[in-house]
Amino acid sequence: MTLERVETGISGLDPLISGGFPKDSLIIVCGNPGTGK
């Protein structure tokens, strides 16, 4: 079974996360102010 992924549209991010976020998943992006979240 392969995990279906949804591309973010951010060319520098998608390769780092194996092509996108897992479909039907809740994703939380956090970090300090000014870090480019």
PDB file of N, CA and C in Angstrom:
ATOM      1  N   MET A   1       0.843  -1.181   0.000  1.00  0.00           N
ATOM      2  CA  MET A   1       0.000   0.000   0.000  1.00  0.00           C
ATOM      3  C   MET A   1       0.888   1.244   0.000  1.00  0.00           C
ATOM      4  N   THR A   2       0.620   2.168  -0.910  1.00  0.00           N
ATOM      5  CA  THR A   2       1.386   3.403  -0.954  1.00  0.00           C
ATOM      6  C   THR A   2       0.577   4.529  -0.316  1.00  0.00           C
ATOM      7  N   LEU A   3       1.295   5.471   0.236  1.00  0.00           N
ATOM      8  CA  LEU A   3       0.667   6.604   0.907  1.00  0.00           C
ATOM      9  C   LEU A   3       0.400   7.692  -0.122  1.00  0.00           C
ATOM     10  N   GLU A   4      -0.858   8.064  -0.297  1.00  0.00           N
ATOM     11  CA  GLU A   4      -1.201   9.127  -1.233  1.00  0.00           C
ATOM     12  C   GLU A   4      -0.809  10.466  -0.619  1.00  0.00           C
ATOM     13  N   ARG A   5      -0.179  11.312  -1.430  1.00  0.00           N
ATOM     14  CA  ARG A   5       0.315  12.594  -0.931  1.00  0.00           C
ATOM     15  C   ARG A   5      -0.282  13.751  -1.707  1.00  0.00           C
ATOM     16  N   VAL A   6      -0.334  14.913  -1.064  1.00  0.00           N
ATOM     17  CA  VAL A   6      -0.836  16.137  -1.668  1.00  0.00           C
ATOM     18  C   VAL A   6       0.317  17.131  -1.723  1.00  0.00           C
ATOM     19  N   GLU A   7       0.641  17.594  -2.925  1.00  0.00           N
ATOM     20  CA  GLU A   7       1.733  18.557  -3.070  1.00  0.00           C
ATOM     21  C   GLU A   7       1.368  19.879  -2.403  1.00  0.00           C
ATOM     22  N   THR A   8       2.383  20.543  -1.860  1.00  0.00           N
ATOM     23  CA  THR A   8       2.159  21.836  -1.217  1.00  0.00           C
ATOM     24  C   THR A   8       2.200  22.977  -2.223  1.00  0.00           C
ATOM     25  N   GLY A   9       2.861  22.748  -3.348  1.00  0.00           N
ATOM     26  CA  GLY A   9       3.055  23.812  -4.320  1.00  0.00           C
ATOM     27  C   GLY A   9       4.311  24.615  -4.031  1.00  0.00           C
ATOM     28  N   ILE A  10       5.039  24.237  -2.994  1.00  0.00           N
ATOM     29  CA  ILE A  10       6.294  24.904  -2.638  1.00  0.00           C
ATOM     30  C   ILE A  10       7.428  24.010  -3.124  1.00  0.00           C
ATOM     31  N   SER A  11       8.108  24.445  -4.190  1.00  0.00           N
ATOM     32  CA  SER A  11       9.095  23.585  -4.850  1.00  0.00           C
ATOM     33  C   SER A  11      10.239  23.162  -3.936  1.00  0.00           C
ATOM     34  N   GLY A  12      10.601  23.965  -2.968  1.00  0.00           N
ATOM     35  CA  GLY A  12      11.676  23.599  -2.055  1.00  0.00           C
ATOM     36  C   GLY A  12      11.241  22.693  -0.913  1.00  0.00           C
ATOM     37  N   LEU A  13       9.948  22.604  -0.668  1.00  0.00           N
ATOM     38  CA  LEU A  13       9.442  21.806   0.449  1.00  0.00           C
ATOM     39  C   LEU A  13       9.031  20.398   0.028  1.00  0.00           C
ATOM     40  N   ASP A  14       8.337  20.276  -1.081  1.00  0.00           N
ATOM     41  CA  ASP A  14       7.815  18.971  -1.495  1.00  0.00           C
ATOM     42  C   ASP A  14       8.876  17.870  -1.558  1.00  0.00           C
ATOM     43  N   PRO A  15      10.060  18.114  -2.121  1.00  0.00           N
ATOM     44  CA  PRO A  15      11.077  17.047  -2.131  1.00  0.00           C
ATOM     45  C   PRO A  15      11.545  16.644  -0.727  1.00  0.00           C
ATOM     46  N   LEU A  16      11.504  17.568   0.211  1.00  0.00           N
ATOM     47  CA  LEU A  16      11.946  17.272   1.574  1.00  0.00           C
ATOM     48  C   LEU A  16      10.958  16.396   2.334  1.00  0.00           C
ATOM     49  N   ILE A  17       9.695  16.437   1.921  1.00  0.00           N
ATOM     50  CA  ILE A  17       8.666  15.654   2.615  1.00  0.00           C
ATOM     51  C   ILE A  17       8.093  14.570   1.702  1.00  0.00           C
ATOM     52  N   SER A  18       8.957  14.015   0.874  1.00  0.00           N
ATOM     53  CA  SER A  18       8.611  12.874   0.002  1.00  0.00           C
ATOM     54  C   SER A  18       7.491  13.178  -0.980  1.00  0.00           C
ATOM     55  N   GLY A  19       7.431  14.421  -1.461  1.00  0.00           N
ATOM     56  CA  GLY A  19       6.471  14.765  -2.500  1.00  0.00           C
ATOM     57  C   GLY A  19       5.219  15.485  -2.037  1.00  0.00           C
ATOM     58  N   GLY A  20       5.044  15.640  -0.754  1.00  0.00           N
ATOM     59  CA  GLY A  20       3.869  16.346  -0.245  1.00  0.00           C
ATOM     60  C   GLY A  20       3.419  15.785   1.087  1.00  0.00           C
ATOM     61  N   PHE A  21       2.367  16.391   1.605  1.00  0.00           N
ATOM     62  CA  PHE A  21       1.806  15.926   2.873  1.00  0.00           C
ATOM     63  C   PHE A  21       0.927  14.707   2.632  1.00  0.00           C
ATOM     64  N   PRO A  22       0.871  13.786   3.581  1.00  0.00           N
ATOM     65  CA  PRO A  22      -0.033  12.642   3.444  1.00  0.00           C
ATOM     66  C   PRO A  22      -1.486  13.128   3.333  1.00  0.00           C
ATOM     67  N   LYS A  23      -2.216  12.588   2.363  1.00  0.00           N
ATOM     68  CA  LYS A  23      -3.610  12.982   2.155  1.00  0.00           C
ATOM     69  C   LYS A  23      -4.441  12.650   3.395  1.00  0.00           C
ATOM     70  N   ASP A  24      -5.397  13.521   3.693  1.00  0.00           N
ATOM     71  CA  ASP A  24      -6.320  13.365   4.826  1.00  0.00           C
ATOM     72  C   ASP A  24      -5.608  13.391   6.178  1.00  0.00           C
ATOM     73  N   SER A  25      -4.497  14.131   6.266  1.00  0.00           N
ATOM     74  CA  SER A  25      -3.765  14.269   7.526  1.00  0.00           C
ATOM     75  C   SER A  25      -3.873  15.704   8.025  1.00  0.00           C
ATOM     76  N   LEU A  26      -3.788  15.863   9.312  1.00  0.00           N
ATOM     77  CA  LEU A  26      -3.742  17.180   9.924  1.00  0.00           C
ATOM     78  C   LEU A  26      -2.276  17.557  10.085  1.00  0.00           C
ATOM     79  N   ILE A  27      -1.893  18.697   9.545  1.00  0.00           N
ATOM     80  CA  ILE A  27      -0.500  19.141   9.582  1.00  0.00           C
ATOM     81  C   ILE A  27      -0.427  20.436  10.380  1.00  0.00           C
ATOM     82  N   ILE A  28       0.468  20.490  11.341  1.00  0.00           N
ATOM     83  CA  ILE A  28       0.694  21.699  12.126  1.00  0.00           C
ATOM     84  C   ILE A  28       2.113  22.178  11.843  1.00  0.00           C
ATOM     85  N   VAL A  29       2.215  23.425  11.398  1.00  0.00           N
ATOM     86  CA  VAL A  29       3.521  24.026  11.124  1.00  0.00           C
ATOM     87  C   VAL A  29       3.766  25.059  12.213  1.00  0.00           C
ATOM     88  N   CYS A  30       4.872  24.912  12.930  1.00  0.00           N
ATOM     89  CA  CYS A  30       5.148  25.854  14.009  1.00  0.00           C
ATOM     90  C   CYS A  30       6.611  26.281  13.966  1.00  0.00           C
ATOM     91  N   GLY A  31       6.877  27.395  14.584  1.00  0.00           N
ATOM     92  CA  GLY A  31       8.231  27.914  14.649  1.00  0.00           C
ATOM     93  C   GLY A  31       8.213  29.341  15.161  1.00  0.00           C
ATOM     94  N   ASN A  32       9.382  29.869  15.361  1.00  0.00           N
ATOM     95  CA  ASN A  32       9.514  31.232  15.857  1.00  0.00           C
ATOM     96  C   ASN A  32       9.078  32.242  14.803  1.00  0.00           C
ATOM     97  N   PRO A  33       8.648  33.431  15.229  1.00  0.00           N
ATOM     98  CA  PRO A  33       8.289  34.480  14.282  1.00  0.00           C
ATOM     99  C   PRO A  33       9.462  34.806  13.354  1.00  0.00           C
ATOM    100  N   GLY A  34       9.146  35.027  12.086  1.00  0.00           N
ATOM    101  CA  GLY A  34      10.165  35.412  11.120  1.00  0.00           C
ATOM    102  C   GLY A  34      10.962  34.268  10.532  1.00  0.00           C
ATOM    103  N   THR A  35      10.550  33.019  10.773  1.00  0.00           N
ATOM    104  CA  THR A  35      11.319  31.881  10.262  1.00  0.00           C
ATOM    105  C   THR A  35      10.805  31.349   8.927  1.00  0.00           C
ATOM    106  N   GLY A  36       9.796  31.990   8.350  1.00  0.00           N
ATOM    107  CA  GLY A  36       9.319  31.584   7.031  1.00  0.00           C
ATOM    108  C   GLY A  36       8.372  30.404   7.014  1.00  0.00           C
ATOM    109  N   LYS A  37       7.546  30.310   8.025  1.00  0.00           N
ATOM    110  CA  LYS A  37       6.583  29.209   8.062  1.00  0.00           C
ATOM    111  C   LYS A  37       5.617  29.386   6.938  1.00  0.00           C
TER     112      LYS A  37
END
